[in-house]
Protein backbone atom coordinates (compact mmCIF):
# COMPACT_ATOMS: atom_id res chain seq x y z
CA MET A 1 -82.34 102.66 -32.28
CA THR A 2 -80.57 100.02 -30.15
CA LYS A 3 -83.92 98.73 -28.91
CA ASN A 4 -85.20 98.35 -32.46
CA LYS A 5 -82.07 96.41 -33.41
CA ASN A 6 -82.58 94.05 -30.46
CA TRP A 7 -86.18 93.41 -31.50
CA ALA A 8 -85.03 92.77 -35.06
CA LYS A 9 -82.50 90.21 -33.83
CA ILE A 10 -85.12 88.49 -31.68
CA TYR A 11 -87.53 88.40 -34.61
CA LEU A 12 -84.91 86.85 -36.91
CA PHE A 13 -84.00 84.31 -34.24
CA VAL A 14 -87.64 83.23 -33.86
CA VAL A 15 -88.08 82.98 -37.65
CA PHE A 16 -85.01 80.78 -38.02
CA ILE A 17 -86.13 78.60 -35.12
CA LEU A 18 -89.51 78.07 -36.80
CA LEU A 19 -87.86 77.29 -40.13
CA TYR A 20 -85.17 74.91 -38.93
CA THR A 21 -86.93 73.09 -36.08
CA PRO A 22 -88.92 70.78 -38.42
CA ILE A 23 -85.73 70.02 -40.37
CA ALA A 24 -83.84 69.21 -37.17
CA TYR A 25 -86.77 67.02 -36.07
CA LEU A 26 -86.65 65.15 -39.39
CA ILE A 27 -82.88 64.62 -39.19
CA TYR A 28 -83.05 63.52 -35.55
CA TYR A 29 -85.60 60.78 -36.23
CA SER A 30 -83.74 59.52 -39.29
CA PHE A 31 -81.48 57.79 -36.72
CA ASN A 32 -84.37 56.37 -34.65
CA GLU A 33 -84.11 52.64 -34.02
CA ALA A 34 -87.85 52.32 -33.39
CA GLY A 35 -88.73 53.08 -37.01
CA THR A 36 -91.34 55.69 -36.13
CA MET A 37 -91.39 59.41 -35.39
CA ASN A 38 -93.34 59.06 -32.15
CA GLN A 39 -90.58 58.21 -29.69
CA PHE A 40 -86.80 57.99 -30.02
CA SER A 41 -85.66 54.59 -28.72
CA GLY A 42 -82.03 54.48 -29.81
CA PHE A 43 -79.44 55.44 -32.39
CA THR A 44 -79.16 53.42 -35.60
CA LEU A 45 -78.03 53.75 -39.22
CA GLU A 46 -80.33 51.01 -40.53
CA HIS A 47 -82.56 53.51 -42.36
CA TYR A 48 -79.55 54.79 -44.28
CA ALA A 49 -78.56 51.18 -45.07
CA ALA A 50 -82.11 50.47 -46.27
CA LEU A 51 -81.93 53.59 -48.42
CA ALA A 52 -78.69 52.35 -50.00
CA GLU A 53 -80.44 49.08 -50.89
CA ASP A 54 -83.55 50.79 -52.32
CA SER A 55 -82.52 50.86 -55.97
CA ARG A 56 -85.79 52.46 -57.15
CA LEU A 57 -85.45 55.42 -54.80
CA LEU A 58 -81.79 55.90 -55.69
CA ILE A 59 -82.58 55.88 -59.42
CA ILE A 60 -85.34 58.43 -58.84
CA ALA A 61 -82.92 60.58 -56.82
CA LEU A 62 -80.36 60.47 -59.65
CA ASP A 63 -83.07 61.29 -62.21
CA THR A 64 -84.19 64.23 -60.08
CA ILE A 65 -80.64 65.59 -59.88
CA ARG A 66 -80.19 65.03 -63.62
CA VAL A 67 -83.34 67.01 -64.41
CA ALA A 68 -82.34 69.77 -61.99
CA LEU A 69 -78.80 70.11 -63.39
CA LEU A 70 -79.90 70.13 -67.03
CA SER A 71 -82.92 72.38 -66.55
CA ALA A 72 -80.94 74.85 -64.42
CA LEU A 73 -78.11 74.96 -66.99
CA ILE A 74 -80.38 75.50 -70.00
CA ALA A 75 -82.61 77.96 -68.12
CA THR A 76 -79.55 79.91 -66.99
CA VAL A 77 -78.29 80.30 -70.56
CA ILE A 78 -81.71 81.32 -71.90
CA GLY A 79 -82.52 83.50 -68.90
CA THR A 80 -79.17 85.29 -68.98
CA PHE A 81 -79.52 86.27 -72.63
CA GLY A 82 -83.16 87.11 -72.00
CA ALA A 83 -82.17 89.46 -69.19
CA ILE A 84 -79.54 91.06 -71.43
CA GLY A 85 -82.15 91.52 -74.15
CA ILE A 86 -84.58 93.13 -71.71
CA TYR A 87 -81.87 95.41 -70.31
CA PHE A 88 -80.82 96.67 -73.73
CA SER A 89 -84.37 97.16 -75.00
CA ARG A 90 -84.49 100.64 -76.49
CA ARG A 91 -88.17 101.30 -75.99
CA ARG A 92 -89.19 101.65 -72.36
CA GLN A 93 -92.67 100.30 -73.09
CA THR A 94 -91.20 97.12 -74.56
CA LYS A 95 -88.92 96.69 -71.56
CA ASN A 96 -91.80 97.15 -69.09
CA LEU A 97 -93.97 94.72 -71.07
CA LEU A 98 -91.28 92.03 -71.04
CA LEU A 99 -90.66 92.52 -67.32
CA SER A 100 -94.39 92.28 -66.61
CA LEU A 101 -94.68 89.05 -68.60
CA ASN A 102 -91.69 87.63 -66.72
CA ASN A 103 -93.12 88.62 -63.32
CA ILE A 104 -96.52 87.14 -64.16
CA LEU A 105 -94.87 83.74 -64.63
CA LEU A 106 -93.14 84.12 -61.26
CA VAL A 107 -96.36 84.73 -59.33
CA SER A 108 -98.56 82.30 -61.28
CA PRO A 109 -99.69 79.30 -59.19
CA ASP A 110 -97.76 76.11 -59.92
CA VAL A 111 -101.03 74.23 -60.37
CA ILE A 112 -102.02 76.47 -63.28
CA ILE A 113 -98.57 76.19 -64.87
CA GLY A 114 -98.60 72.40 -64.49
CA ALA A 115 -102.11 72.06 -65.91
CA SER A 116 -101.19 74.34 -68.83
CA PHE A 117 -98.17 72.21 -69.72
CA LEU A 118 -100.24 69.03 -69.41
CA LEU A 119 -102.81 70.42 -71.87
CA LEU A 120 -100.05 71.55 -74.23
CA PHE A 121 -98.26 68.20 -74.24
CA THR A 122 -101.56 66.37 -74.70
CA LEU A 123 -102.61 68.57 -77.64
CA VAL A 124 -99.32 68.14 -79.51
CA GLY A 125 -99.09 64.44 -78.68
CA PHE A 126 -95.87 64.78 -76.66
CA GLN A 127 -95.22 61.73 -74.49
CA LEU A 128 -95.08 62.43 -70.78
CA GLY A 129 -91.86 61.43 -69.06
CA PHE A 130 -88.32 62.69 -68.66
CA TYR A 131 -88.41 65.24 -71.46
CA SER A 132 -91.81 66.67 -70.53
CA VAL A 133 -90.56 67.24 -66.97
CA LEU A 134 -87.30 68.71 -68.26
CA LEU A 135 -89.03 71.17 -70.60
CA SER A 136 -91.47 72.24 -67.87
CA HIS A 137 -88.67 72.85 -65.38
CA ILE A 138 -86.72 74.87 -67.93
CA ALA A 139 -89.79 76.99 -68.61
CA PHE A 140 -90.57 77.91 -64.99
CA SER A 141 -86.87 78.41 -64.15
CA ILE A 142 -86.17 80.99 -66.86
CA PRO A 143 -88.07 83.85 -65.11
CA ILE A 144 -86.13 83.11 -61.92
CA VAL A 145 -82.81 83.48 -63.73
CA VAL A 146 -83.97 86.70 -65.40
CA LEU A 147 -84.91 88.12 -62.01
CA MET A 148 -81.47 87.26 -60.57
CA VAL A 149 -79.43 88.58 -63.51
CA LEU A 150 -81.25 91.87 -64.17
CA PRO A 151 -80.11 93.62 -60.95
CA ARG A 152 -76.49 92.85 -61.83
CA LEU A 153 -77.03 94.40 -65.25
CA GLU A 154 -78.50 97.48 -63.61
CA GLU A 155 -75.39 97.78 -61.40
CA MET A 156 -73.03 97.41 -64.36
CA ASN A 157 -71.03 100.43 -65.44
CA GLY A 158 -72.45 101.38 -68.84
CA ASN A 159 -69.47 103.59 -69.59
CA MET A 160 -67.31 100.48 -69.91
CA ILE A 161 -69.47 99.24 -72.77
CA THR A 162 -69.39 102.63 -74.49
CA ALA A 163 -65.61 102.82 -74.12
CA ALA A 164 -65.16 99.31 -75.50
CA ARG A 165 -67.26 100.12 -78.55
CA ASP A 166 -65.36 103.35 -79.11
CA LEU A 167 -62.14 101.32 -79.10
CA GLY A 168 -63.50 99.06 -81.83
CA ALA A 169 -64.81 96.08 -79.87
CA ASN A 170 -67.56 94.10 -81.58
CA HIS A 171 -70.74 92.81 -79.90
CA PHE A 172 -69.22 89.44 -79.04
CA GLN A 173 -66.13 91.01 -77.47
CA VAL A 174 -68.26 93.40 -75.41
CA LEU A 175 -70.37 90.47 -74.23
CA LYS A 176 -67.37 88.27 -73.40
CA GLU A 177 -65.03 90.80 -71.84
CA ILE A 178 -67.38 93.24 -70.08
CA ILE A 179 -70.99 92.11 -69.70
CA LEU A 180 -70.56 88.46 -68.67
CA PRO A 181 -67.75 89.11 -66.11
CA SER A 182 -69.85 91.89 -64.57
CA ILE A 183 -72.96 89.73 -64.15
CA THR A 184 -71.27 86.43 -63.22
CA PRO A 185 -72.48 86.53 -59.56
CA GLY A 186 -76.05 87.01 -60.80
CA ILE A 187 -75.67 84.13 -63.27
CA LEU A 188 -74.38 81.81 -60.54
CA ALA A 189 -77.16 82.88 -58.17
CA GLY A 190 -79.73 82.28 -60.93
CA TYR A 191 -78.32 78.82 -61.62
CA PHE A 192 -78.44 77.78 -57.96
CA MET A 193 -81.96 79.17 -57.57
CA ALA A 194 -83.15 77.34 -60.69
CA PHE A 195 -81.48 74.14 -59.45
CA THR A 196 -83.16 74.47 -56.06
CA TYR A 197 -86.59 75.19 -57.52
CA SER A 198 -86.29 72.21 -59.85
CA ILE A 199 -85.43 69.75 -57.08
CA ASP A 200 -88.12 71.22 -54.82
CA ASP A 201 -90.93 71.33 -57.38
CA PHE A 202 -93.93 69.07 -56.90
CA ALA A 203 -97.05 70.63 -58.41
CA VAL A 204 -95.78 71.13 -61.98
CA THR A 205 -93.96 67.80 -62.01
CA PHE A 206 -97.02 65.96 -60.73
CA PHE A 207 -98.97 67.07 -63.82
CA VAL A 208 -96.35 66.36 -66.49
CA THR A 209 -94.67 63.17 -65.22
CA GLY A 210 -95.56 59.81 -66.68
CA ASN A 211 -94.33 56.68 -68.48
CA GLY A 212 -92.76 55.36 -65.27
CA PHE A 213 -90.66 58.47 -64.70
CA ALA A 214 -90.85 60.20 -61.32
CA THR A 215 -88.96 62.73 -59.26
CA LEU A 216 -88.27 62.67 -55.53
CA SER A 217 -91.09 65.05 -54.66
CA VAL A 218 -93.67 62.90 -56.48
CA GLU A 219 -92.24 59.65 -55.10
CA ILE A 220 -92.14 60.97 -51.52
CA TYR A 221 -95.76 62.09 -51.86
CA SER A 222 -96.78 58.64 -53.12
CA ARG A 223 -94.97 56.87 -50.30
CA ALA A 224 -96.26 59.25 -47.65
CA ARG A 225 -99.82 58.32 -48.58
CA GLN A 226 -98.98 54.70 -47.76
CA GLY A 227 -97.33 55.55 -44.44
CA VAL A 228 -94.29 57.41 -43.19
CA SER A 229 -90.98 55.62 -43.80
CA LEU A 230 -87.80 56.78 -42.12
CA GLU A 231 -85.97 56.06 -45.39
CA ILE A 232 -87.52 59.34 -46.53
CA ASN A 233 -86.05 61.01 -43.45
CA ALA A 234 -82.63 59.59 -44.30
CA LEU A 235 -82.87 60.73 -47.92
CA SER A 236 -84.08 64.17 -46.88
CA THR A 237 -81.17 64.47 -44.45
CA ILE A 238 -78.66 63.69 -47.20
CA LEU A 239 -80.29 66.19 -49.57
CA PHE A 240 -80.36 68.89 -46.91
CA LEU A 241 -76.69 68.38 -46.06
CA ALA A 242 -75.80 68.42 -49.77
CA ALA A 243 -77.74 71.66 -50.30
CA PHE A 244 -76.17 73.18 -47.19
CA SER A 245 -72.70 72.23 -48.46
CA LEU A 246 -73.39 73.86 -51.84
CA VAL A 247 -74.59 77.09 -50.23
CA ALA A 248 -71.67 77.15 -47.80
CA GLY A 249 -69.24 76.48 -50.65
CA TYR A 250 -70.72 79.25 -52.77
CA TYR A 251 -70.55 81.67 -49.84
CA PHE A 252 -66.93 80.69 -49.14
CA ILE A 253 -65.96 81.19 -52.80
CA GLN A 254 -67.63 84.61 -52.86
CA GLN A 255 -65.83 85.63 -49.66
CA GLN A 256 -62.50 84.49 -51.06
CA ARG A 257 -63.08 86.41 -54.30
CA THR A 258 -64.00 89.55 -52.36
CA ARG A 259 -60.88 89.31 -50.19
CA HIS A 260 -58.75 88.68 -53.28
CA LYS A 261 -60.10 91.80 -54.96
CA LEU A 262 -59.56 93.92 -51.85
CA ALA A 263 -56.03 92.59 -51.43
CA HIS A 264 -55.11 93.55 -55.00
CA MET A 265 -56.64 97.00 -54.95
CA ASP A 266 -54.16 99.83 -55.36
CA PRO A 267 -54.52 102.09 -52.29
CA THR A 268 -52.95 104.94 -54.22
CA ASN A 269 -55.70 105.06 -56.86
CA HIS A 270 -57.65 107.69 -54.95
CA GLU A 271 -54.52 109.76 -54.40
CA LYS A 272 -53.67 109.59 -58.08
CA ALA A 273 -57.17 110.65 -59.02
CA VAL A 274 -57.13 113.76 -56.84
CA THR A 275 -53.51 114.76 -57.41
CA PRO A 276 -53.37 117.73 -59.84
């Protein structure tokens, strides 16, 4: 058993090395004075200064964050209520059908989803730009949120809902006081996942962007075709550190909430339950 655990640790270590080495390489050369990624000649912040002066790239970065925040928020609301609807479906066949449709969207190639949205927007005469990208990101983020919220619903104590209804609570009160507090971690996880997917997306956005609007992934692709610029390294470094800070902050908040709950637990509850 101990040997298997050691191999598991080694395997995880190798996986993390493979995942984070390219990121470390990118961050390291964002400070390269030579301006290339071939040889490090000295430390400099000129690429970050050039990034601060690149108004087009900064506007695109703000637009990308704006799309990600809005699409994640709207997708989280729709996906949360969608997950609740699936969970409370009375017929098992209906529930399985809805889950299958949701999972199909998750595993569908981004190219097919992007091409489908492009055809849809073209047929209805919808102008490509900010709103076409926003609607597309909302659409492919909803299944992600559903997938994150459903397990929390499955873990929820159904007896609490039954007791609340027996005490006269209406549907809104049950939703507000019992369901939403129970699935809040899943909702937050769904929001962060949707936000991450939106910022990261390239294939779908590439199909539905237009009218001068672009996101970072599309802009980086366009610039990479013309030659590697270390401004992209600098921007990627800032985005990575921002994402790392968000994840670390979320983890810290969850740890604090867990400790707070444990600190306020009554150690005599078990004794009271078993005392005749």
